[in-house]
Amino acid sequence: MAVYFPLQGSRPADIHSDSEIHTDIDECPDSPNCIVVSRSFEMEAEQLFEFLKKAFDDLNPNEIDADSSELKVHAVFKIPLFGFKDDVIALIEPNGSDSVLHLKSSSRVGYSDLGVNRRRVKRIFKKVESYLIVLNKLT
């Protein structure tokens, strides 16, 4: 059991989705090295995009491509110890005065990611939510 538990990977048991997966984001394979989560935010899409870019910058990806016209970010994170690369795709979907942030984090190789992608998605959401709290305090 001690070996099996750490190899569980990035199953979303402790992360909830508010929305269906966006059609431009592929579903994860059966392997536990990928996670897709969507969450609603009470803010305009452009403001959420700025918070999202800041969150990615704070996490220091190896590569980043942010497209404000598409409200989409693609980043590559490199795992320091082994050098494995993980892809993160973030897409914001406007929904009136609200927005939905769709996040997918997946490993390029291997079966399990030891939960790295799940923790990364949680950190991104936590950072975006913290920026929203600061904005609400300022207004």
Protein backbone atom coordinates (compact mmCIF):
# COMPACT_ATOMS: atom_id res chain seq x y z
CA MET A 1 0.00 0.00 0.00
CA ALA A 2 2.86 2.43 0.76
CA VAL A 3 4.10 2.13 -2.82
CA TYR A 4 0.65 2.32 -4.40
CA PHE A 5 -0.50 5.52 -2.65
CA PRO A 6 2.31 7.84 -3.87
CA LEU A 7 1.84 6.56 -7.40
CA GLN A 8 -1.80 7.67 -7.50
CA GLY A 9 -0.96 10.81 -9.45
CA SER A 10 -3.22 13.73 -10.29
CA ARG A 11 -6.75 12.51 -9.73
CA PRO A 12 -9.06 15.48 -8.97
CA ALA A 13 -10.61 14.11 -5.75
CA ASP A 14 -9.85 17.29 -3.78
CA ILE A 15 -10.48 19.77 -6.61
CA HIS A 16 -13.97 20.53 -7.90
CA SER A 17 -15.04 21.78 -11.30
CA ASP A 18 -17.77 24.41 -11.71
CA SER A 19 -18.19 23.80 -15.41
CA GLU A 20 -17.78 21.29 -18.19
CA ILE A 21 -14.40 21.00 -19.91
CA HIS A 22 -13.99 23.55 -22.70
CA THR A 23 -14.22 22.06 -26.19
CA ASP A 24 -10.74 23.39 -27.09
CA ILE A 25 -9.12 21.37 -24.28
CA ASP A 26 -8.64 17.64 -24.77
CA GLU A 27 -9.71 15.31 -21.99
CA CYS A 28 -7.03 13.54 -19.97
CA PRO A 29 -5.99 9.99 -20.79
CA ASP A 30 -6.69 7.17 -18.32
CA SER A 31 -3.24 7.55 -16.77
CA PRO A 32 -3.04 9.56 -13.51
CA ASN A 33 -0.58 12.13 -14.87
CA CYS A 34 -3.08 14.73 -16.02
CA ILE A 35 -5.85 16.88 -14.59
CA VAL A 36 -8.47 19.19 -16.08
CA VAL A 37 -10.46 21.53 -13.85
CA SER A 38 -12.82 24.42 -14.65
CA ARG A 39 -13.77 27.11 -12.16
CA SER A 40 -16.11 30.11 -12.38
CA PHE A 41 -15.05 33.59 -11.29
CA GLU A 42 -17.18 36.67 -10.75
CA MET A 43 -15.07 38.96 -12.92
CA GLU A 44 -14.62 40.07 -16.49
CA ALA A 45 -12.56 37.75 -18.70
CA GLU A 46 -9.87 40.37 -19.41
CA GLN A 47 -9.24 40.99 -15.69
CA LEU A 48 -9.12 37.24 -15.02
CA PHE A 49 -6.61 36.88 -17.85
CA GLU A 50 -4.33 39.46 -16.22
CA PHE A 51 -4.53 37.58 -12.91
CA LEU A 52 -3.85 34.31 -14.72
CA LYS A 53 -0.73 35.68 -16.44
CA LYS A 54 0.55 36.97 -13.10
CA ALA A 55 -0.08 33.58 -11.48
CA PHE A 56 1.89 31.83 -14.22
CA ASP A 57 4.74 34.35 -13.95
CA ASP A 58 4.86 33.78 -10.18
CA LEU A 59 5.21 30.02 -10.76
CA ASN A 60 8.15 30.59 -13.13
CA PRO A 61 7.46 28.27 -16.08
CA ASN A 62 10.23 27.22 -18.45
CA GLU A 63 8.25 28.58 -21.40
CA ILE A 64 5.08 30.64 -21.64
CA ASP A 65 2.89 31.84 -24.49
CA ALA A 66 0.05 34.13 -23.44
CA ASP A 67 -2.46 35.26 -26.07
CA SER A 68 -4.75 38.01 -24.77
CA SER A 69 -6.91 37.99 -27.91
CA GLU A 70 -7.70 34.29 -27.42
CA LEU A 71 -7.66 34.53 -23.58
CA LYS A 72 -5.35 31.51 -23.62
CA VAL A 73 -2.05 30.63 -21.95
CA HIS A 74 0.20 27.69 -22.75
CA ALA A 75 3.14 27.07 -20.45
CA VAL A 76 5.76 24.39 -20.06
CA PHE A 77 7.09 23.54 -16.62
CA LYS A 78 10.25 21.49 -16.18
CA ILE A 79 10.55 19.23 -13.15
CA PRO A 80 13.96 20.18 -11.67
CA LEU A 81 15.14 16.79 -10.39
CA PHE A 82 14.39 14.67 -13.45
CA GLY A 83 13.96 17.26 -16.21
CA PHE A 84 10.52 15.98 -17.26
CA LYS A 85 8.30 18.55 -18.95
CA ASP A 86 4.64 19.20 -18.14
CA ASP A 87 2.27 21.19 -20.33
CA VAL A 88 -0.30 23.56 -18.84
CA ILE A 89 -3.10 25.02 -20.93
CA ALA A 90 -5.37 27.69 -19.51
CA LEU A 91 -8.36 29.05 -21.36
CA ILE A 92 -10.79 31.70 -20.16
CA GLU A 93 -14.37 31.55 -21.35
CA PRO A 94 -16.41 34.76 -20.92
CA ASN A 95 -19.85 34.19 -19.43
CA GLY A 96 -21.60 37.56 -19.24
CA SER A 97 -19.95 39.56 -16.45
CA ASP A 98 -18.45 36.31 -15.10
CA SER A 99 -15.77 34.06 -16.56
CA VAL A 100 -14.79 30.40 -16.46
CA LEU A 101 -11.14 29.43 -16.17
CA HIS A 102 -10.36 26.04 -17.69
CA LEU A 103 -7.00 24.54 -16.67
CA LYS A 104 -5.28 21.42 -17.91
CA SER A 105 -1.93 20.28 -16.56
CA SER A 106 -0.40 17.11 -17.98
CA SER A 107 2.88 15.25 -18.04
CA ARG A 108 4.45 14.53 -21.40
CA VAL A 109 5.89 11.19 -20.34
CA GLY A 110 5.28 8.48 -17.77
CA TYR A 111 2.21 6.98 -16.17
CA SER A 112 2.08 8.75 -12.82
CA ASP A 113 3.17 12.27 -11.91
CA LEU A 114 3.14 11.75 -8.12
CA GLY A 115 0.48 14.47 -7.88
CA VAL A 116 2.60 17.26 -9.39
CA ASN A 117 -0.04 18.41 -11.90
CA ARG A 118 -2.83 18.43 -9.30
CA ARG A 119 -0.71 20.52 -6.93
CA ARG A 120 0.20 22.91 -9.76
CA VAL A 121 -3.46 23.45 -10.71
CA LYS A 122 -4.32 24.07 -7.05
CA ARG A 123 -1.49 26.65 -6.81
CA ILE A 124 -2.67 28.46 -9.94
CA PHE A 125 -6.25 28.69 -8.66
CA LYS A 126 -5.04 29.76 -5.22
CA LYS A 127 -2.91 32.57 -6.69
CA VAL A 128 -5.73 33.81 -8.94
CA GLU A 129 -8.13 33.76 -5.99
CA SER A 130 -5.63 35.69 -3.84
CA TYR A 131 -5.37 38.42 -6.49
CA LEU A 132 -9.17 38.62 -6.55
CA ILE A 133 -9.25 39.05 -2.76
CA VAL A 134 -6.73 41.88 -2.98
CA LEU A 135 -8.73 43.55 -5.76
CA ASN A 136 -11.93 43.30 -3.71
CA LYS A 137 -10.21 44.92 -0.71
CA LEU A 138 -9.01 47.80 -2.88
CA THR A 139 -12.45 48.55 -4.30
